[in-house]
C-alpha atoms as a PDB file:
ATOM      1  CA  MET A   1     -11.365   4.132  45.045  1.00  0.00           C
ATOM      2  CA  ALA A   2     -11.767   6.014  41.792  1.00  0.00           C
ATOM      3  CA  GLU A   3     -13.419   4.110  38.975  1.00  0.00           C
ATOM      4  CA  TYR A   4     -10.265   3.963  36.904  1.00  0.00           C
ATOM      5  CA  VAL A   5      -7.749   3.647  39.723  1.00  0.00           C
ATOM      6  CA  VAL A   6      -7.476  -0.013  40.617  1.00  0.00           C
ATOM      7  CA  GLU A   7      -4.883  -2.167  42.269  1.00  0.00           C
ATOM      8  CA  PHE A   8      -3.412  -4.604  39.782  1.00  0.00           C
ATOM      9  CA  GLY A   9      -4.767  -8.063  40.523  1.00  0.00           C
ATOM     10  CA  LYS A  10      -8.091  -6.620  41.751  1.00  0.00           C
ATOM     11  CA  ASP A  11      -9.231  -5.246  38.413  1.00  0.00           C
ATOM     12  CA  GLY A  12     -10.857  -8.413  37.092  1.00  0.00           C
ATOM     13  CA  ARG A  13      -7.961  -9.310  34.801  1.00  0.00           C
ATOM     14  CA  PRO A  14      -6.438 -12.795  35.063  1.00  0.00           C
ATOM     15  CA  VAL A  15      -3.655 -13.599  37.505  1.00  0.00           C
ATOM     16  CA  GLU A  16      -1.193 -16.294  36.439  1.00  0.00           C
ATOM     17  CA  ALA A  17      -0.373 -19.146  38.813  1.00  0.00           C
ATOM     18  CA  ASP A  18       3.103 -17.704  39.350  1.00  0.00           C
ATOM     19  CA  GLY A  19       1.661 -14.338  40.376  1.00  0.00           C
ATOM     20  CA  ARG A  20       2.109 -12.489  37.080  1.00  0.00           C
ATOM     21  CA  LEU A  21      -0.423  -9.686  36.729  1.00  0.00           C
ATOM     22  CA  ASP A  22      -1.571  -8.160  33.466  1.00  0.00           C
ATOM     23  CA  GLY A  23      -2.196  -4.417  33.294  1.00  0.00           C
ATOM     24  CA  ALA A  24      -4.471  -3.234  30.510  1.00  0.00           C
ATOM     25  CA  ALA A  25      -2.600   0.071  30.307  1.00  0.00           C
ATOM     26  CA  PHE A  26       0.626  -1.748  29.465  1.00  0.00           C
ATOM     27  CA  HIS A  27      -0.778  -2.928  26.157  1.00  0.00           C
ATOM     28  CA  ARG A  28      -1.849   0.617  25.271  1.00  0.00           C
ATOM     29  CA  ASN A  29       1.134   2.655  26.334  1.00  0.00           C
ATOM     30  CA  HIS A  30       4.337   0.604  26.433  1.00  0.00           C
ATOM     31  CA  ALA A  31       5.265   1.379  22.815  1.00  0.00           C
ATOM     32  CA  PRO A  32       4.792   5.182  22.957  1.00  0.00           C
ATOM     33  CA  ILE A  33       6.507   5.347  26.347  1.00  0.00           C
ATOM     34  CA  TRP A  34       9.514   3.440  25.064  1.00  0.00           C
ATOM     35  CA  ALA A  35       9.677   5.695  22.006  1.00  0.00           C
ATOM     36  CA  VAL A  36      10.309   8.597  24.399  1.00  0.00           C
ATOM     37  CA  LEU A  37      12.666   6.741  26.726  1.00  0.00           C
ATOM     38  CA  GLU A  38      14.684   5.550  23.757  1.00  0.00           C
ATOM     39  CA  ARG A  39      15.422   9.141  22.754  1.00  0.00           C
ATOM     40  CA  PHE A  40      17.117   9.739  26.093  1.00  0.00           C
ATOM     41  CA  LEU A  41      18.578   6.298  26.805  1.00  0.00           C
ATOM     42  CA  ALA A  42      19.550   4.812  23.433  1.00  0.00           C
ATOM     43  CA  GLY A  43      23.150   3.706  23.384  1.00  0.00           C
ATOM     44  CA  THR A  44      23.696   4.346  27.089  1.00  0.00           C
ATOM     45  CA  VAL A  45      24.851   1.905  29.739  1.00  0.00           C
ATOM     46  CA  GLY A  46      24.473   1.944  33.493  1.00  0.00           C
ATOM     47  CA  ASP A  47      21.586   1.662  35.938  1.00  0.00           C
ATOM     48  CA  VAL A  48      18.010   2.860  35.436  1.00  0.00           C
ATOM     49  CA  LEU A  49      15.367   2.541  38.148  1.00  0.00           C
ATOM     50  CA  GLU A  50      11.633   2.327  37.579  1.00  0.00           C
ATOM     51  CA  ALA A  51       9.792   3.798  40.568  1.00  0.00           C
ATOM     52  CA  GLY A  52       6.422   2.103  40.944  1.00  0.00           C
ATOM     53  CA  SER A  53       6.700  -0.767  38.474  1.00  0.00           C
ATOM     54  CA  GLY A  54       3.177  -2.096  39.005  1.00  0.00           C
ATOM     55  CA  THR A  55       2.817  -5.431  37.230  1.00  0.00           C
ATOM     56  CA  GLY A  56       6.431  -5.460  36.007  1.00  0.00           C
ATOM     57  CA  GLN A  57       5.500  -5.673  32.331  1.00  0.00           C
ATOM     58  CA  HIS A  58       6.946  -2.297  31.395  1.00  0.00           C
ATOM     59  CA  VAL A  59      10.382  -2.955  32.844  1.00  0.00           C
ATOM     60  CA  VAL A  60      10.572  -6.269  30.984  1.00  0.00           C
ATOM     61  CA  HIS A  61       9.747  -4.517  27.711  1.00  0.00           C
ATOM     62  CA  PHE A  62      12.313  -1.788  28.372  1.00  0.00           C
ATOM     63  CA  ALA A  63      14.991  -4.346  29.269  1.00  0.00           C
ATOM     64  CA  ARG A  64      14.439  -6.172  25.985  1.00  0.00           C
ATOM     65  CA  GLN A  65      14.829  -2.935  24.055  1.00  0.00           C
ATOM     66  CA  ALA A  66      17.947  -1.761  25.924  1.00  0.00           C
ATOM     67  CA  PRO A  67      20.061  -4.772  26.948  1.00  0.00           C
ATOM     68  CA  GLY A  68      23.034  -2.564  27.796  1.00  0.00           C
ATOM     69  CA  ILE A  69      21.140  -0.965  30.687  1.00  0.00           C
ATOM     70  CA  THR A  70      20.680  -2.633  34.070  1.00  0.00           C
ATOM     71  CA  TRP A  71      17.039  -2.112  35.038  1.00  0.00           C
ATOM     72  CA  TRP A  72      15.921  -1.887  38.666  1.00  0.00           C
ATOM     73  CA  PRO A  73      12.153  -2.327  39.140  1.00  0.00           C
ATOM     74  CA  SER A  74      10.481  -1.298  42.381  1.00  0.00           C
ATOM     75  CA  ASP A  75       7.148  -1.061  44.132  1.00  0.00           C
ATOM     76  CA  LEU A  76       5.714  -1.196  47.659  1.00  0.00           C
ATOM     77  CA  ASN A  77       2.608  -3.337  47.123  1.00  0.00           C
ATOM     78  CA  GLU A  78       3.303  -7.016  47.926  1.00  0.00           C
ATOM     79  CA  ALA A  79       1.200  -8.385  45.042  1.00  0.00           C
ATOM     80  CA  HIS A  80       2.985  -6.051  42.639  1.00  0.00           C
ATOM     81  CA  LEU A  81       6.408  -7.115  43.923  1.00  0.00           C
ATOM     82  CA  LYS A  82       5.430 -10.758  43.426  1.00  0.00           C
ATOM     83  CA  SER A  83       4.249 -10.010  39.889  1.00  0.00           C
ATOM     84  CA  ILE A  84       7.456  -8.132  39.048  1.00  0.00           C
ATOM     85  CA  SER A  85       9.534 -11.076  40.277  1.00  0.00           C
ATOM     86  CA  ALA A  86       7.398 -13.495  38.262  1.00  0.00           C
ATOM     87  CA  TRP A  87       7.647 -11.437  35.063  1.00  0.00           C
ATOM     88  CA  ARG A  88      11.420 -11.162  35.611  1.00  0.00           C
ATOM     89  CA  ALA A  89      11.702 -14.951  35.945  1.00  0.00           C
ATOM     90  CA  HIS A  90       9.385 -15.522  32.979  1.00  0.00           C
ATOM     91  CA  ALA A  91      11.406 -13.195  30.740  1.00  0.00           C
ATOM     92  CA  GLY A  92      14.765 -14.616  31.784  1.00  0.00           C
ATOM     93  CA  LEU A  93      16.588 -11.402  30.929  1.00  0.00           C
ATOM     94  CA  PRO A  94      19.972 -10.913  32.610  1.00  0.00           C
ATOM     95  CA  ASN A  95      19.683  -7.119  32.835  1.00  0.00           C
ATOM     96  CA  ILE A  96      16.712  -6.937  35.243  1.00  0.00           C
ATOM     97  CA  ARG A  97      17.500  -6.873  38.958  1.00  0.00           C
ATOM     98  CA  PRO A  98      15.145  -8.259  41.629  1.00  0.00           C
ATOM     99  CA  PRO A  99      12.529  -5.668  42.608  1.00  0.00           C
ATOM    100  CA  LEU A 100      13.234  -3.241  45.418  1.00  0.00           C
ATOM    101  CA  ALA A 101      10.544  -2.480  48.006  1.00  0.00           C
ATOM    102  CA  ILE A 102      10.697   1.305  47.740  1.00  0.00           C
ATOM    103  CA  ASP A 103       8.522   3.633  49.778  1.00  0.00           C
ATOM    104  CA  LEU A 104       8.601   6.850  47.771  1.00  0.00           C
ATOM    105  CA  SER A 105       7.310   8.872  50.717  1.00  0.00           C
ATOM    106  CA  ASP A 106      10.674   8.165  52.390  1.00  0.00           C
ATOM    107  CA  PRO A 107      13.480  10.281  50.839  1.00  0.00           C
ATOM    108  CA  ALA A 108      15.884   7.366  51.444  1.00  0.00           C
ATOM    109  CA  TRP A 109      13.495   5.102  49.438  1.00  0.00           C
ATOM    110  CA  CYS A 110      14.603   1.768  50.915  1.00  0.00           C
ATOM    111  CA  ARG A 111      17.195   0.197  53.181  1.00  0.00           C
ATOM    112  CA  GLU A 112      19.160  -1.376  50.334  1.00  0.00           C
ATOM    113  CA  MET A 113      19.743   1.957  48.656  1.00  0.00           C
ATOM    114  CA  SER A 114      20.414   3.939  51.812  1.00  0.00           C
ATOM    115  CA  ASP A 115      22.900   1.263  52.960  1.00  0.00           C
ATOM    116  CA  GLY A 116      24.675   1.213  49.602  1.00  0.00           C
ATOM    117  CA  GLY A 117      23.380  -2.188  48.531  1.00  0.00           C
ATOM    118  CA  GLY A 118      21.248  -0.801  45.733  1.00  0.00           C
ATOM    119  CA  PRO A 119      22.131   1.189  42.645  1.00  0.00           C
ATOM    120  CA  ARG A 120      23.954   4.512  42.854  1.00  0.00           C
ATOM    121  CA  ASN A 121      24.714   7.118  40.216  1.00  0.00           C
ATOM    122  CA  LEU A 122      21.582   6.214  38.275  1.00  0.00           C
ATOM    123  CA  ARG A 123      21.418   7.242  34.646  1.00  0.00           C
ATOM    124  CA  ALA A 124      17.668   7.723  34.965  1.00  0.00           C
ATOM    125  CA  VAL A 125      14.588   7.205  37.111  1.00  0.00           C
ATOM    126  CA  PHE A 126      11.313   6.498  35.318  1.00  0.00           C
ATOM    127  CA  CYS A 127       8.002   6.852  37.154  1.00  0.00           C
ATOM    128  CA  ALA A 128       4.625   6.270  35.495  1.00  0.00           C
ATOM    129  CA  ASN A 129       1.156   6.944  36.873  1.00  0.00           C
ATOM    130  CA  VAL A 130       2.162   7.284  40.511  1.00  0.00           C
ATOM    131  CA  ILE A 131       2.145  10.827  41.868  1.00  0.00           C
ATOM    132  CA  HIS A 132      -1.500  11.564  41.042  1.00  0.00           C
ATOM    133  CA  ILE A 133      -2.750   8.498  42.956  1.00  0.00           C
ATOM    134  CA  ALA A 134      -0.670   9.193  46.041  1.00  0.00           C
ATOM    135  CA  PRO A 135      -0.326  11.987  48.602  1.00  0.00           C
ATOM    136  CA  TRP A 136       1.898  14.939  47.696  1.00  0.00           C
ATOM    137  CA  ARG A 137       4.563  13.658  50.111  1.00  0.00           C
ATOM    138  CA  VAL A 138       5.169  10.823  47.622  1.00  0.00           C
ATOM    139  CA  ALA A 139       6.096  13.356  44.944  1.00  0.00           C
ATOM    140  CA  GLU A 140       8.329  15.093  47.489  1.00  0.00           C
ATOM    141  CA  GLY A 141      10.048  11.814  48.348  1.00  0.00           C
ATOM    142  CA  LEU A 142      10.413  10.887  44.684  1.00  0.00           C
ATOM    143  CA  PHE A 143      12.304  14.088  43.924  1.00  0.00           C
ATOM    144  CA  ALA A 144      14.367  13.860  47.117  1.00  0.00           C
ATOM    145  CA  GLY A 145      15.428  10.332  46.228  1.00  0.00           C
ATOM    146  CA  ALA A 146      16.159  11.310  42.647  1.00  0.00           C
ATOM    147  CA  GLU A 147      18.468  14.039  43.914  1.00  0.00           C
ATOM    148  CA  ARG A 148      20.159  11.519  46.176  1.00  0.00           C
ATOM    149  CA  TYR A 149      20.650   8.659  43.716  1.00  0.00           C
ATOM    150  CA  LEU A 150      20.888  10.178  40.223  1.00  0.00           C
ATOM    151  CA  ALA A 151      24.293  10.768  38.700  1.00  0.00           C
ATOM    152  CA  ASN A 152      25.073  14.318  37.617  1.00  0.00           C
ATOM    153  CA  GLY A 153      23.134  14.842  34.415  1.00  0.00           C
ATOM    154  CA  GLY A 154      20.859  11.909  35.250  1.00  0.00           C
ATOM    155  CA  LEU A 155      17.199  12.134  34.288  1.00  0.00           C
ATOM    156  CA  LEU A 156      13.896  11.856  36.112  1.00  0.00           C
ATOM    157  CA  LEU A 157      11.111  11.062  33.643  1.00  0.00           C
ATOM    158  CA  LEU A 158       7.498  11.280  34.814  1.00  0.00           C
ATOM    159  CA  TYR A 159       4.621   9.845  32.773  1.00  0.00           C
ATOM    160  CA  GLY A 160       0.944  10.463  33.367  1.00  0.00           C
ATOM    161  CA  PRO A 161      -1.752  13.149  33.302  1.00  0.00           C
ATOM    162  CA  PHE A 162      -0.697  16.649  34.360  1.00  0.00           C
ATOM    163  CA  LYS A 163      -2.165  20.106  34.580  1.00  0.00           C
ATOM    164  CA  ARG A 164      -0.184  22.791  32.769  1.00  0.00           C
ATOM    165  CA  TYR A 165       0.040  25.946  34.865  1.00  0.00           C
ATOM    166  CA  GLY A 166      -3.442  25.736  36.315  1.00  0.00           C
ATOM    167  CA  ARG A 167      -5.227  24.263  33.309  1.00  0.00           C
ATOM    168  CA  HIS A 168      -6.161  20.690  32.499  1.00  0.00           C
ATOM    169  CA  THR A 169      -5.041  19.504  29.081  1.00  0.00           C
ATOM    170  CA  ALA A 170      -8.377  17.777  28.387  1.00  0.00           C
ATOM    171  CA  MET A 171     -11.870  17.516  29.829  1.00  0.00           C
ATOM    172  CA  SER A 172     -11.278  13.812  30.518  1.00  0.00           C
ATOM    173  CA  ASN A 173      -8.348  14.738  32.757  1.00  0.00           C
ATOM    174  CA  ALA A 174     -10.522  17.241  34.641  1.00  0.00           C
ATOM    175  CA  VAL A 175     -13.143  14.540  35.237  1.00  0.00           C
ATOM    176  CA  PHE A 176     -10.401  12.128  36.312  1.00  0.00           C
ATOM    177  CA  ASP A 177      -8.991  14.720  38.705  1.00  0.00           C
ATOM    178  CA  THR A 178     -12.389  15.254  40.317  1.00  0.00           C
ATOM    179  CA  SER A 179     -12.863  11.502  40.712  1.00  0.00           C
ATOM    180  CA  LEU A 180      -9.453  11.120  42.331  1.00  0.00           C
ATOM    181  CA  ARG A 181     -10.026  13.930  44.819  1.00  0.00           C
ATOM    182  CA  GLU A 182     -13.453  12.591  45.730  1.00  0.00           C
ATOM    183  CA  SER A 183     -11.868   9.216  46.474  1.00  0.00           C
ATOM    184  CA  ASN A 184      -8.991  10.704  48.466  1.00  0.00           C
ATOM    185  CA  PRO A 185      -8.492  14.444  49.033  1.00  0.00           C
ATOM    186  CA  GLU A 186      -4.710  13.906  49.024  1.00  0.00           C
ATOM    187  CA  TRP A 187      -4.781  12.567  45.463  1.00  0.00           C
ATOM    188  CA  GLY A 188      -5.173  14.487  42.229  1.00  0.00           C
ATOM    189  CA  VAL A 189      -3.689  15.327  38.853  1.00  0.00           C
ATOM    190  CA  ARG A 190      -0.552  17.332  39.615  1.00  0.00           C
ATOM    191  CA  ASP A 191       0.253  20.720  38.135  1.00  0.00           C
ATOM    192  CA  ILE A 192       3.594  21.233  36.408  1.00  0.00           C
ATOM    193  CA  ALA A 193       3.604  24.662  38.053  1.00  0.00           C
ATOM    194  CA  ASP A 194       3.897  22.884  41.432  1.00  0.00           C
ATOM    195  CA  ILE A 195       6.329  20.225  40.254  1.00  0.00           C
ATOM    196  CA  GLU A 196       8.924  22.566  38.763  1.00  0.00           C
ATOM    197  CA  PRO A 197       9.736  24.390  42.040  1.00  0.00           C
ATOM    198  CA  LEU A 198       9.814  21.045  43.855  1.00  0.00           C
ATOM    199  CA  ALA A 199      12.334  19.819  41.313  1.00  0.00           C
ATOM    200  CA  ALA A 200      14.406  22.980  41.661  1.00  0.00           C
ATOM    201  CA  ARG A 201      14.626  22.508  45.429  1.00  0.00           C
ATOM    202  CA  HIS A 202      16.242  19.158  44.756  1.00  0.00           C
ATOM    203  CA  GLY A 203      18.698  20.247  42.100  1.00  0.00           C
ATOM    204  CA  LEU A 204      16.616  19.065  39.152  1.00  0.00           C
ATOM    205  CA  ALA A 205      15.906  21.324  36.179  1.00  0.00           C
ATOM    206  CA  TRP A 206      13.078  20.976  33.671  1.00  0.00           C
ATOM    207  CA  ARG A 207      14.400  19.711  30.362  1.00  0.00           C
ATOM    208  CA  GLU A 208      11.458  18.772  28.155  1.00  0.00           C
ATOM    209  CA  THR A 209       7.732  18.021  28.115  1.00  0.00           C
ATOM    210  CA  VAL A 210       6.552  15.457  25.578  1.00  0.00           C
ATOM    211  CA  GLU A 211       2.929  15.122  24.474  1.00  0.00           C
ATOM    212  CA  MET A 212       1.671  11.534  24.691  1.00  0.00           C
ATOM    213  CA  PRO A 213      -1.479   9.664  23.608  1.00  0.00           C
ATOM    214  CA  ALA A 214      -4.615   9.768  25.770  1.00  0.00           C
ATOM    215  CA  ASN A 215      -3.852  13.282  27.046  1.00  0.00           C
ATOM    216  CA  ASN A 216      -0.790  12.198  29.004  1.00  0.00           C
ATOM    217  CA  LEU A 217       2.652  13.783  29.154  1.00  0.00           C
ATOM    218  CA  VAL A 218       6.217  12.754  29.814  1.00  0.00           C
ATOM    219  CA  VAL A 219       7.917  15.476  31.842  1.00  0.00           C
ATOM    220  CA  VAL A 220      11.702  15.219  31.929  1.00  0.00           C
ATOM    221  CA  PHE A 221      14.008  16.725  34.552  1.00  0.00           C
ATOM    222  CA  ALA A 222      17.815  16.569  34.688  1.00  0.00           C
ATOM    223  CA  LYS A 223      20.026  16.660  37.754  1.00  0.00           C
ATOM    224  CA  THR A 224      22.195  19.750  37.486  1.00  0.00           C
END
């Protein structure tokens, strides 16, 4: 596994007795990420799903900032799902749903959503640091599910490192990309030039790209 791609709970950071995990990245990026999400979600109500919630710390922070939104965390890793549930219980916020076990490589995502037991007509889907540490079929499934579950005008917001039309935005991202591909040839920093046509095939149009700290971006798509 790449040096800086670790499973939460196996990165040397403490694990609470209730299963809560602590992600170092959360402490660095939750504030700038929320500053972007707030621009698009402030004052709205409805359901927002986080695809790949990791430790669960981000969704708790978002739920505190936007109590009018019902937040749906998700992941596939069992330790992450346990941590999300523990952070949800620890926070005691009424607007966080129990985590969904979503497999993003499946366009239906999970049984609850395909059977109608999960959220529909989502206002937004937020996905951070997932598609570059997963096979391309995960990105394909993410966009297919977004098309399926977003309301008209709903947003898909992707956070992480990206190439911009064949070029890395920083040398550190190029080094990261090489490390990822050496660990798994199916992984790698994704190019916006590849993501935009994928989005278009699923009825999602590019809306905005936001520069973020540490050479990351938030890329926003809207369901048309």
